[in-house]
Amino acid sequence: MNENDSLDERMTSPVMGEKKSVDPSSIVIFGASGDLTSRKLIPALYHLFCAEQLPTPFRIVGFARREKSDIEWRAELKEALDKFSRTKPVDEKLWETFSANVFYCQGDFSDSKAYVKLEKMLGSFGNEALRRNLLFYLATSPSQFAQVVEELHGAGLLSLEEPEGSWQRIVVEKPFGHDLPSARKLNADLTRFAHERQVFRIDHYLGKETVQNILMFRFSNSIFEELWNRQSIDHVQITVGERLGVGGRGGYYEEAGAIRDMVQNHLLQVLSLVAMEPPVSLDAEAIRDEKVKVLKSIRPLGKGDVEKQVVRGQYFAGMIDGQLRPGYRQEEKVKTDSDVETYVAMKLFLDNWRWSGTPFYLRTGKYLPLSASEVRIQFRQTPTVLFAAKSGNQLDSNALTLRLQPNEGISLRFNGKVPGTSLKLRPVKMHFSYDTEFGAYTPEAYERLLLEAMSGDATLFIRRDEVETAWGIVDSIRKGWEGKPLSNREFYSAGTWGPVASDDLLAQAGHRWRDPQPIQ
């Protein structure tokens, strides 16, 4: 077999992943009785174990208020795994081996004695590394983060200065604050007892394979780099659509709205990956430095700018799949006169050399026709000579679409001649499918994120200045909305792509939304 044959074989074989180096360690889950633990964390850890990605040895300890034995908790987790595992049926032998490393520690988050009990349990595992290397996953309410961290410090389980040859890390879930002041306070509370390098702020969206692939696509393919700027790109559209409504989360949504729930984290994260400069290395800090630079380059939005560049919307009753869906104001725990947004669209400008003058359009909403996330890079129109002059509106500008979910893939749209004697042109598409090329297996986001946290790689986690900069952007928008009720043009029917005001936003510059399409 020659070198080219070997290369061809590698290209058509399953993706070869680099196995992470993970030290023997213990994972302590606070909020072990919660939905996140049973639906996401334990299934993710089980699948990592099945893939031989967990260290040897390892221990998993659940910490929660309810009183139960190790055996009872394992039985509960097994029942949940049977429902939520991405591989079914669950392998009984593998589960038996995995669950032998799973333990339960009963205690209240505010009880110092419970943390002493936890420390003794970790010390009883018979391997010093299981006591020294500790990952604390705070699957709790954000209001409890500071208290848990302080108690861990008091019990000698967490230190700003990690002893040589050991580590302690904290993983915290979103929402990380509800505005800039609360995020700053939470950061200050955590870093009283832990160094910034020990804090891993999780956004599960960054664990998605296709979101990570934005970096790979941009910086491993030289053919696009010369085009990736204001001179070739007319504008960028980022869409994160949800086909479901608010449902039982009305109480939460009344406090958060779409801008806190989706824009502050998911959409701005995707924007930063699409627009960032090449990092000086693949080190976590180098990549995160460039992401923060993008967020800091977003042109500030005063109240007048918010009125011109940001649209909010709210769904009213509409038909989806032949069934009438209720309006947001008819949802449980929602005020009947609520002006909370279930949809946001915005036009942002980045004041840097690469993107000066290029608009970035972001939108997200509930009860849209399709649950789909994609980035569309819309290239500039062809000069109005030659074929453009002859074809008129039939000659569409080129576009590159990164489909993040579902039916993950990349599409390039260009114009081709229709066979025949005339010079008739038609837009055609060249499509790459992850499923077709690499097979259906895609790890769950939490599998990747948990493994990265255990290995100490913070690339896919949010840094302090990053989360605070994002909150500053969102707070300026919310301030522009204060005291302003929704207008008629900001309501949209469930099952449509958003309010008329959203179309108006793009029409100002002669643009229009390119709606994600179902992949056949």
Protein backbone atom coordinates (compact mmCIF):
# COMPACT_ATOMS: atom_id res chain seq x y z
CA MET A 1 0.00 0.00 0.00
CA ASN A 2 1.50 3.33 -1.01
CA GLU A 3 1.15 6.64 0.83
CA ASN A 4 -1.80 7.80 -1.30
CA ASP A 5 -3.68 4.53 -0.76
CA SER A 6 -3.16 4.90 2.99
CA LEU A 7 -4.50 8.44 2.84
CA ASP A 8 -7.57 7.32 0.86
CA GLU A 9 -8.25 4.61 3.41
CA ARG A 10 -8.05 7.07 6.27
CA MET A 11 -10.44 9.40 4.48
CA THR A 12 -13.11 6.73 4.06
CA SER A 13 -12.70 5.10 7.46
CA PRO A 14 -14.45 6.22 10.66
CA VAL A 15 -13.14 9.43 12.15
CA MET A 16 -10.00 8.77 14.13
CA GLY A 17 -10.27 10.63 17.42
CA GLU A 18 -7.41 11.47 19.72
CA LYS A 19 -7.88 9.86 23.10
CA LYS A 20 -7.76 12.40 25.91
CA SER A 21 -5.28 11.94 28.70
CA VAL A 22 -7.33 11.92 31.91
CA ASP A 23 -5.91 11.39 35.39
CA PRO A 24 -7.57 9.02 37.87
CA SER A 25 -10.18 11.22 39.53
CA SER A 26 -13.49 11.52 41.33
CA ILE A 27 -16.52 13.33 39.91
CA VAL A 28 -18.90 14.80 42.49
CA ILE A 29 -22.34 15.84 41.19
CA PHE A 30 -24.22 18.34 43.35
CA GLY A 31 -27.93 18.14 42.63
CA ALA A 32 -27.70 14.40 42.04
CA SER A 33 -31.47 13.92 42.31
CA GLY A 34 -32.19 16.42 39.55
CA ASP A 35 -33.33 15.94 35.98
CA LEU A 36 -30.00 17.01 34.46
CA THR A 37 -28.15 14.25 36.30
CA SER A 38 -30.45 11.44 35.21
CA ARG A 39 -31.09 12.66 31.64
CA LYS A 40 -27.65 13.94 30.65
CA LEU A 41 -24.76 13.54 33.09
CA ILE A 42 -24.96 9.87 34.04
CA PRO A 43 -25.76 8.72 30.46
CA ALA A 44 -22.79 10.78 29.24
CA LEU A 45 -20.44 9.31 31.84
CA TYR A 46 -21.71 5.80 31.10
CA HIS A 47 -21.06 6.23 27.38
CA LEU A 48 -17.58 7.59 28.07
CA PHE A 49 -16.94 4.49 30.17
CA CYS A 50 -18.17 2.22 27.39
CA ALA A 51 -15.81 3.99 24.98
CA GLU A 52 -12.91 3.50 27.45
CA GLN A 53 -12.52 7.26 27.79
CA LEU A 54 -12.86 7.45 31.58
CA PRO A 55 -9.69 7.12 33.64
CA THR A 56 -8.69 4.07 35.64
CA PRO A 57 -9.67 4.22 38.42
CA PHE A 58 -12.56 6.68 38.69
CA ARG A 59 -15.40 7.33 41.10
CA ILE A 60 -18.72 9.16 40.72
CA VAL A 61 -20.37 10.57 43.84
CA GLY A 62 -23.87 12.03 43.87
CA PHE A 63 -24.57 14.69 46.52
CA ALA A 64 -28.18 15.61 47.31
CA ARG A 65 -30.59 16.20 50.19
CA ARG A 66 -32.75 13.10 49.84
CA GLU A 67 -31.76 10.12 51.92
CA LYS A 68 -30.96 6.99 49.93
CA SER A 69 -28.37 4.25 49.76
CA ASP A 70 -25.80 3.63 47.04
CA ILE A 71 -27.89 0.70 45.81
CA GLU A 72 -31.09 2.76 45.67
CA TRP A 73 -29.41 5.56 43.72
CA ARG A 74 -27.83 3.12 41.27
CA ALA A 75 -31.25 1.58 40.66
CA GLU A 76 -32.75 5.02 39.95
CA LEU A 77 -29.94 5.83 37.54
CA LYS A 78 -30.32 2.51 35.73
CA GLU A 79 -34.03 3.16 35.22
CA ALA A 80 -33.24 6.61 33.81
CA LEU A 81 -30.45 5.24 31.61
CA ASP A 82 -32.86 2.75 30.05
CA LYS A 83 -34.95 5.76 28.95
CA PHE A 84 -32.29 8.27 27.96
CA SER A 85 -29.29 6.31 26.74
CA ARG A 86 -28.42 6.98 23.10
CA THR A 87 -27.53 3.27 22.76
CA LYS A 88 -30.22 0.74 23.58
CA PRO A 89 -30.53 -1.68 25.15
CA VAL A 90 -28.07 -0.84 27.91
CA ASP A 91 -25.30 -3.44 28.19
CA GLU A 92 -25.99 -5.06 31.58
CA LYS A 93 -22.40 -6.21 32.16
CA LEU A 94 -20.95 -2.80 31.35
CA TRP A 95 -23.54 -1.12 33.56
CA GLU A 96 -22.70 -3.46 36.43
CA THR A 97 -19.00 -2.62 36.16
CA PHE A 98 -19.69 1.11 35.73
CA SER A 99 -22.21 1.36 38.58
CA ALA A 100 -19.79 -0.28 41.03
CA ASN A 101 -17.92 3.04 40.88
CA VAL A 102 -21.04 5.11 41.64
CA PHE A 103 -21.78 6.27 45.21
CA TYR A 104 -24.20 8.53 47.02
CA CYS A 105 -23.59 11.13 49.76
CA GLN A 106 -26.67 12.54 51.48
CA GLY A 107 -26.49 16.10 52.74
CA ASP A 108 -27.83 19.63 52.56
CA PHE A 109 -25.85 22.16 50.54
CA SER A 110 -25.69 24.47 53.59
CA ASP A 111 -24.60 21.77 56.08
CA SER A 112 -20.84 21.91 56.73
CA LYS A 113 -20.94 18.45 58.32
CA ALA A 114 -22.17 16.96 55.03
CA TYR A 115 -19.03 18.22 53.29
CA VAL A 116 -16.88 16.65 56.00
CA LYS A 117 -18.72 13.40 55.31
CA LEU A 118 -18.03 13.85 51.60
CA GLU A 119 -14.33 14.42 52.28
CA LYS A 120 -14.16 11.19 54.31
CA MET A 121 -15.93 9.25 51.56
CA LEU A 122 -13.45 10.48 48.95
CA GLY A 123 -10.58 9.54 51.22
CA SER A 124 -11.97 6.03 51.72
CA PHE A 125 -11.66 4.96 48.09
CA GLY A 126 -8.18 3.56 48.64
CA ASN A 127 -6.39 5.55 45.96
CA GLU A 128 -4.82 8.90 46.77
CA ALA A 129 -5.53 10.24 43.26
CA LEU A 130 -9.27 9.77 43.84
CA ARG A 131 -9.02 12.17 46.78
CA ARG A 132 -6.63 14.64 45.13
CA ASN A 133 -8.12 15.00 41.62
CA LEU A 134 -11.68 16.26 41.97
CA LEU A 135 -14.27 17.49 39.47
CA PHE A 136 -17.25 19.18 41.13
CA TYR A 137 -20.28 19.45 38.85
CA LEU A 138 -22.78 22.00 40.18
CA ALA A 139 -26.08 20.81 38.67
CA THR A 140 -27.90 23.14 41.05
CA SER A 141 -29.65 26.48 41.00
CA PRO A 142 -27.14 29.31 40.29
CA SER A 143 -28.15 30.85 43.63
CA GLN A 144 -26.45 27.87 45.32
CA PHE A 145 -23.14 28.00 43.41
CA ALA A 146 -21.39 30.36 45.82
CA GLN A 147 -22.50 28.45 48.91
CA VAL A 148 -21.39 25.06 47.58
CA VAL A 149 -17.97 26.42 46.58
CA GLU A 150 -17.46 28.07 49.96
CA GLU A 151 -18.37 24.86 51.80
CA LEU A 152 -16.01 22.82 49.59
CA HIS A 153 -13.22 25.23 50.45
CA GLY A 154 -14.05 24.99 54.15
CA ALA A 155 -13.88 21.18 54.02
CA GLY A 156 -10.44 21.29 52.39
CA LEU A 157 -11.73 19.94 49.08
CA LEU A 158 -11.13 23.09 47.03
CA SER A 159 -8.18 25.44 47.11
CA LEU A 160 -7.02 28.46 45.11
CA GLU A 161 -3.53 27.00 45.19
CA GLU A 162 -3.87 23.39 44.06
CA PRO A 163 -1.32 21.07 45.71
CA GLU A 164 1.37 19.91 43.31
CA GLY A 165 0.36 16.81 41.37
CA SER A 166 -3.37 17.27 41.98
CA TRP A 167 -6.27 19.36 40.70
CA GLN A 168 -9.75 20.53 41.62
CA ARG A 169 -12.22 21.93 39.07
CA ILE A 170 -15.74 23.32 39.19
CA VAL A 171 -18.27 22.95 36.38
CA VAL A 172 -21.23 25.34 36.53
CA GLU A 173 -24.35 25.30 34.38
CA LYS A 174 -26.08 28.25 32.71
CA PRO A 175 -27.76 30.60 33.32
CA PHE A 176 -24.62 32.25 34.64
CA GLY A 177 -26.31 35.30 36.10
CA HIS A 178 -29.31 37.13 34.70
CA ASP A 179 -27.53 40.41 33.80
CA LEU A 180 -24.06 41.93 33.94
CA PRO A 181 -24.08 42.89 37.66
CA SER A 182 -25.28 39.43 38.75
CA ALA A 183 -22.73 37.70 36.49
CA ARG A 184 -19.94 39.85 37.95
CA LYS A 185 -21.05 39.03 41.49
CA LEU A 186 -21.23 35.32 40.73
CA ASN A 187 -17.76 35.41 39.18
CA ALA A 188 -16.43 37.22 42.25
CA ASP A 189 -18.08 34.70 44.60
CA LEU A 190 -16.57 31.72 42.75
CA THR A 191 -13.08 33.18 42.41
CA ARG A 192 -12.86 33.87 46.14
CA PHE A 193 -12.21 30.16 46.58
CA ALA A 194 -11.14 28.97 43.11
CA HIS A 195 -8.82 30.33 40.47
CA GLU A 196 -10.35 31.27 37.09
CA ARG A 197 -8.51 28.33 35.50
CA GLN A 198 -10.46 25.99 37.82
CA VAL A 199 -13.89 27.29 36.79
CA PHE A 200 -15.54 25.66 33.76
CA ARG A 201 -18.72 27.52 32.71
CA ILE A 202 -20.65 25.13 30.53
CA ASP A 203 -22.74 25.93 27.47
CA HIS A 204 -23.86 22.59 26.04
CA TYR A 205 -24.17 24.19 22.61
CA LEU A 206 -20.37 24.37 22.37
CA GLY A 207 -20.21 20.60 22.89
CA LYS A 208 -22.09 19.92 19.67
CA GLU A 209 -19.84 18.36 17.05
CA THR A 210 -20.98 20.69 14.28
CA VAL A 211 -20.45 23.83 16.36
CA GLN A 212 -16.88 22.71 17.05
CA ASN A 213 -16.48 22.04 13.34
CA ILE A 214 -16.87 25.75 12.56
CA LEU A 215 -13.29 26.17 13.78
CA MET A 216 -12.07 23.14 11.84
CA PHE A 217 -13.81 24.25 8.67
CA ARG A 218 -12.47 27.79 8.83
CA PHE A 219 -8.86 27.17 9.76
CA SER A 220 -8.06 23.85 8.07
CA ASN A 221 -9.34 24.82 4.60
CA SER A 222 -7.26 27.53 2.99
CA ILE A 223 -9.61 28.02 0.01
CA PHE A 224 -12.11 29.98 2.13
CA GLU A 225 -9.78 32.17 4.17
CA GLU A 226 -9.22 34.76 1.44
CA LEU A 227 -13.00 35.05 1.01
CA TRP A 228 -13.81 35.25 4.73
CA ASN A 229 -14.06 39.04 5.02
CA ARG A 230 -16.03 42.19 4.17
CA GLN A 231 -14.72 42.29 0.62
CA SER A 232 -16.32 39.00 -0.43
CA ILE A 233 -19.15 38.52 2.07
CA ASP A 234 -22.27 40.66 1.82
CA HIS A 235 -23.79 39.58 5.13
CA VAL A 236 -24.09 36.64 7.53
CA GLN A 237 -27.28 35.06 8.88
CA ILE A 238 -27.33 32.90 12.04
CA THR A 239 -30.61 31.13 12.79
CA VAL A 240 -31.45 28.98 15.82
CA GLY A 241 -35.07 27.92 15.43
CA GLU A 242 -37.14 25.89 17.87
CA ARG A 243 -40.29 24.10 16.78
CA LEU A 244 -41.57 23.77 20.34
CA GLY A 245 -43.25 26.49 22.36
CA VAL A 246 -42.50 27.54 25.91
CA GLY A 247 -44.76 24.82 27.34
CA GLY A 248 -44.22 24.21 31.06
CA ARG A 249 -41.33 26.72 31.24
CA GLY A 250 -43.59 29.77 31.30
CA GLY A 251 -42.45 30.85 34.75
CA TYR A 252 -38.80 30.71 33.71
CA TYR A 253 -39.44 32.42 30.39
CA GLU A 254 -41.25 35.31 32.05
CA GLU A 255 -37.93 36.08 33.77
CA ALA A 256 -35.53 35.19 30.95
CA GLY A 257 -37.18 35.67 27.57
CA ALA A 258 -35.48 34.62 24.36
CA ILE A 259 -32.67 37.15 24.66
CA ARG A 260 -31.43 35.78 27.99
CA ASP A 261 -32.27 32.17 27.18
CA MET A 262 -30.67 31.98 23.72
CA VAL A 263 -28.97 35.15 22.51
CA GLN A 264 -26.65 35.78 25.46
CA ASN A 265 -25.09 32.35 25.12
CA HIS A 266 -25.84 30.21 22.06
CA LEU A 267 -26.14 32.83 19.31
CA LEU A 268 -23.25 35.00 20.47
CA GLN A 269 -21.09 31.90 20.82
CA VAL A 270 -21.76 30.88 17.23
CA LEU A 271 -21.15 34.46 16.07
CA SER A 272 -17.76 34.54 17.79
CA LEU A 273 -16.67 31.26 16.18
CA VAL A 274 -17.76 32.40 12.71
CA ALA A 275 -16.13 35.84 12.94
CA MET A 276 -12.98 35.26 15.04
CA GLU A 277 -9.44 35.71 13.78
CA PRO A 278 -7.11 32.70 13.53
CA PRO A 279 -5.73 31.99 17.03
CA VAL A 280 -1.96 31.89 17.50
CA SER A 281 -2.30 28.27 18.66
CA LEU A 282 -4.92 25.67 19.56
CA ASP A 283 -4.43 26.32 23.27
CA ALA A 284 -7.66 27.09 25.10
CA GLU A 285 -6.66 30.63 26.07
CA ALA A 286 -5.54 31.54 22.55
CA ILE A 287 -8.91 30.48 21.11
CA ARG A 288 -10.89 32.16 23.87
CA ASP A 289 -8.86 35.36 23.45
CA GLU A 290 -10.04 35.62 19.84
CA LYS A 291 -13.66 34.90 20.74
CA VAL A 292 -13.65 37.68 23.34
CA LYS A 293 -12.15 40.10 20.79
CA VAL A 294 -15.15 39.46 18.52
CA LEU A 295 -17.66 40.17 21.28
CA LYS A 296 -15.80 43.33 22.30
CA SER A 297 -15.79 44.53 18.69
CA ILE A 298 -19.61 44.48 18.44
CA ARG A 299 -20.75 48.06 17.92
CA PRO A 300 -22.51 49.30 21.10
CA LEU A 301 -26.28 49.62 20.88
CA GLY A 302 -27.84 52.74 22.33
CA LYS A 303 -31.60 53.06 22.73
CA GLY A 304 -31.99 54.51 19.22
CA ASP A 305 -29.87 51.69 17.77
CA VAL A 306 -32.00 49.06 19.53
CA GLU A 307 -35.14 50.47 17.91
CA LYS A 308 -33.52 50.25 14.45
CA GLN A 309 -31.46 47.07 14.77
CA VAL A 310 -33.31 44.73 17.15
CA VAL A 311 -36.73 43.14 16.79
CA ARG A 312 -38.50 41.17 19.47
CA GLY A 313 -41.55 39.05 18.87
CA GLN A 314 -44.12 36.91 20.65
CA TYR A 315 -46.15 34.03 19.23
CA PHE A 316 -49.91 33.91 19.27
CA ALA A 317 -52.07 30.83 18.64
CA GLY A 318 -51.43 29.06 15.36
CA MET A 319 -51.54 25.72 13.57
CA ILE A 320 -48.63 23.26 13.69
CA ASP A 321 -49.02 19.75 12.26
CA GLY A 322 -52.74 20.34 11.95
CA GLN A 323 -53.13 21.15 15.64
CA LEU A 324 -53.91 24.54 17.17
CA ARG A 325 -51.11 25.65 19.49
CA PRO A 326 -51.79 28.20 22.25
CA GLY A 327 -50.35 31.69 22.22
CA TYR A 328 -47.60 32.61 24.67
CA ARG A 329 -50.01 34.60 26.82
CA GLN A 330 -52.15 31.48 27.18
CA GLU A 331 -49.25 29.35 28.42
CA GLU A 332 -49.07 28.22 32.05
CA LYS A 333 -47.53 30.76 34.49
CA VAL A 334 -47.48 33.53 31.86
CA LYS A 335 -49.11 36.93 32.42
CA THR A 336 -52.09 37.57 30.17
CA ASP A 337 -50.62 40.95 29.14
CA SER A 338 -46.95 39.81 29.02
CA ASP A 339 -44.57 41.61 26.66
CA VAL A 340 -41.81 39.01 27.12
CA GLU A 341 -40.19 38.06 23.84
CA THR A 342 -40.28 34.51 22.47
CA TYR A 343 -38.45 35.68 19.34
CA VAL A 344 -35.48 37.97 18.77
CA ALA A 345 -33.87 39.16 15.54
CA MET A 346 -31.00 41.62 15.40
CA LYS A 347 -28.51 43.27 13.10
CA LEU A 348 -25.03 43.61 14.58
CA PHE A 349 -21.89 45.22 13.20
CA LEU A 350 -18.33 44.30 14.17
CA ASP A 351 -16.02 47.29 14.25
CA ASN A 352 -12.82 45.54 13.21
CA TRP A 353 -10.78 45.39 10.02
CA ARG A 354 -12.08 42.06 8.72
CA TRP A 355 -15.81 42.74 9.10
CA SER A 356 -16.22 46.53 9.00
CA GLY A 357 -19.59 47.34 7.41
CA THR A 358 -20.72 43.71 7.08
CA PRO A 359 -24.03 43.09 8.91
CA PHE A 360 -24.50 39.96 10.99
CA TYR A 361 -28.16 39.00 11.31
CA LEU A 362 -29.06 36.79 14.28
CA ARG A 363 -32.49 35.32 15.06
CA THR A 364 -34.02 32.76 17.36
CA GLY A 365 -37.57 31.93 18.31
CA LYS A 366 -40.10 29.49 19.71
CA TYR A 367 -42.82 27.78 17.65
CA LEU A 368 -41.02 28.28 14.34
CA PRO A 369 -41.74 25.87 11.46
CA LEU A 370 -38.52 23.91 11.98
CA SER A 371 -36.08 23.10 14.77
CA ALA A 372 -32.89 23.96 12.97
CA SER A 373 -29.64 25.81 13.59
CA GLU A 374 -27.54 27.08 10.74
CA VAL A 375 -25.08 29.74 9.64
CA ARG A 376 -25.49 31.18 6.15
CA ILE A 377 -22.60 33.09 4.61
CA GLN A 378 -24.10 35.22 1.85
CA PHE A 379 -21.46 36.31 -0.66
CA ARG A 380 -21.65 39.54 -2.63
CA GLN A 381 -23.68 39.75 -5.82
CA THR A 382 -21.98 39.24 -9.17
CA PRO A 383 -21.31 42.57 -10.97
CA THR A 384 -24.22 43.48 -13.23
CA VAL A 385 -22.45 42.67 -16.47
CA LEU A 386 -22.32 39.48 -18.52
CA PHE A 387 -24.58 36.77 -17.03
CA ALA A 388 -25.85 38.91 -14.16
CA ALA A 389 -27.16 41.50 -16.61
CA LYS A 390 -28.76 38.83 -18.77
CA SER A 391 -30.31 36.74 -15.97
CA GLY A 392 -31.60 39.49 -13.70
CA ASN A 393 -33.20 38.16 -10.51
CA GLN A 394 -32.66 34.55 -11.58
CA LEU A 395 -28.94 34.84 -10.82
CA ASP A 396 -28.67 34.32 -7.09
CA SER A 397 -25.58 35.28 -5.11
CA ASN A 398 -23.37 32.44 -3.89
CA ALA A 399 -23.90 31.17 -0.37
CA LEU A 400 -22.23 28.80 2.04
CA THR A 401 -24.46 27.20 4.67
CA LEU A 402 -23.18 25.44 7.79
CA ARG A 403 -26.06 23.30 9.07
CA LEU A 404 -25.45 22.77 12.78
CA GLN A 405 -28.56 20.69 13.49
CA PRO A 406 -30.39 18.56 12.49
CA ASN A 407 -29.16 16.80 9.31
CA GLU A 408 -25.74 18.26 9.98
CA GLY A 409 -23.74 19.28 6.95
CA ILE A 410 -22.26 22.00 4.74
CA SER A 411 -23.79 23.28 1.50
CA LEU A 412 -22.29 25.50 -1.20
CA ARG A 413 -24.78 27.29 -3.44
CA PHE A 414 -23.68 28.46 -6.87
CA ASN A 415 -25.18 29.03 -10.32
CA GLY A 416 -25.13 26.46 -13.11
CA LYS A 417 -26.29 26.43 -16.70
CA VAL A 418 -29.50 24.55 -17.41
CA PRO A 419 -28.89 22.04 -20.25
CA GLY A 420 -30.22 23.24 -23.57
CA THR A 421 -29.62 25.75 -26.31
CA SER A 422 -30.37 28.84 -24.19
CA LEU A 423 -28.11 30.48 -21.59
CA LYS A 424 -30.58 29.88 -18.82
CA LEU A 425 -29.02 29.70 -15.32
CA ARG A 426 -30.29 28.15 -12.12
CA PRO A 427 -28.96 28.04 -8.54
CA VAL A 428 -27.66 24.59 -7.64
CA LYS A 429 -26.27 23.13 -4.44
CA MET A 430 -23.24 21.05 -3.54
CA HIS A 431 -23.88 19.32 -0.21
CA PHE A 432 -21.71 17.49 2.32
CA SER A 433 -23.50 15.36 4.94
CA TYR A 434 -21.88 14.34 8.22
CA ASP A 435 -24.09 11.27 8.39
CA THR A 436 -23.15 10.08 4.91
CA GLU A 437 -19.43 10.72 5.28
CA PHE A 438 -18.76 9.75 8.87
CA GLY A 439 -21.70 7.55 9.88
CA ALA A 440 -24.56 8.26 12.24
CA TYR A 441 -22.54 8.22 15.46
CA THR A 442 -22.30 11.65 17.05
CA PRO A 443 -21.41 11.91 20.75
CA GLU A 444 -23.77 13.84 22.96
CA ALA A 445 -22.53 17.31 23.85
CA TYR A 446 -22.21 16.44 27.53
CA GLU A 447 -19.91 13.52 26.75
CA ARG A 448 -17.43 15.82 25.07
CA LEU A 449 -17.74 18.56 27.68
CA LEU A 450 -17.32 16.25 30.66
CA LEU A 451 -14.26 14.67 29.09
CA GLU A 452 -12.75 18.10 28.35
CA ALA A 453 -13.35 19.22 31.95
CA MET A 454 -11.71 16.08 33.35
CA SER A 455 -8.70 16.58 31.08
CA GLY A 456 -8.47 20.28 31.99
CA ASP A 457 -9.07 21.60 28.46
CA ALA A 458 -11.14 24.80 28.76
CA THR A 459 -11.47 25.49 25.02
CA LEU A 460 -15.20 24.67 24.91
CA PHE A 461 -16.03 26.55 28.11
CA ILE A 462 -16.84 30.20 28.72
CA ARG A 463 -14.24 32.49 30.29
CA ARG A 464 -15.10 35.20 32.81
CA ASP A 465 -14.55 38.16 30.48
CA GLU A 466 -16.46 36.37 27.73
CA VAL A 467 -19.63 35.89 29.77
CA GLU A 468 -19.47 39.44 31.14
CA THR A 469 -19.02 40.96 27.67
CA ALA A 470 -22.00 38.97 26.36
CA TRP A 471 -24.17 40.16 29.24
CA GLY A 472 -23.15 43.76 28.52
CA ILE A 473 -24.49 43.40 24.96
CA VAL A 474 -27.77 41.86 26.11
CA ASP A 475 -28.27 44.40 28.90
CA SER A 476 -28.00 47.30 26.45
CA ILE A 477 -30.75 45.73 24.32
CA ARG A 478 -33.02 45.09 27.26
CA LYS A 479 -32.53 48.67 28.40
CA GLY A 480 -33.70 49.85 24.97
CA TRP A 481 -36.91 47.83 25.41
CA GLU A 482 -37.81 49.28 28.82
CA GLY A 483 -41.32 50.70 28.94
CA LYS A 484 -42.00 49.82 25.31
CA PRO A 485 -44.89 47.38 24.67
CA LEU A 486 -44.92 45.00 21.72
CA SER A 487 -46.40 46.43 18.53
CA ASN A 488 -48.78 44.58 16.22
CA ARG A 489 -45.93 43.96 13.75
CA GLU A 490 -43.99 42.12 16.46
CA PHE A 491 -46.53 39.32 17.00
CA TYR A 492 -46.33 36.18 14.90
CA SER A 493 -48.47 33.11 14.47
CA ALA A 494 -47.12 29.83 15.90
CA GLY A 495 -45.77 27.80 12.99
CA THR A 496 -44.36 30.78 11.03
CA TRP A 497 -40.83 32.16 10.74
CA GLY A 498 -41.44 35.19 12.93
CA PRO A 499 -43.04 38.64 12.92
CA VAL A 500 -43.33 41.02 9.98
CA ALA A 501 -41.01 43.43 11.81
CA SER A 502 -38.23 40.85 11.42
CA ASP A 503 -38.59 40.93 7.63
CA ASP A 504 -38.57 44.73 7.78
CA LEU A 505 -35.22 44.61 9.58
CA LEU A 506 -33.50 42.96 6.62
CA ALA A 507 -35.47 44.80 3.96
CA GLN A 508 -33.85 48.07 5.11
CA ALA A 509 -30.65 46.94 3.36
CA GLY A 510 -32.31 45.01 0.53
CA HIS A 511 -31.79 41.64 2.23
CA ARG A 512 -34.20 38.87 3.14
CA TRP A 513 -34.12 35.94 5.52
CA ARG A 514 -33.06 32.61 4.04
CA ASP A 515 -35.16 30.14 6.04
CA PRO A 516 -33.64 26.74 6.87
CA GLN A 517 -35.13 24.01 4.73
CA PRO A 518 -35.98 20.43 5.72
CA ILE A 519 -33.31 18.09 4.35
CA GLN A 520 -34.91 15.41 2.21
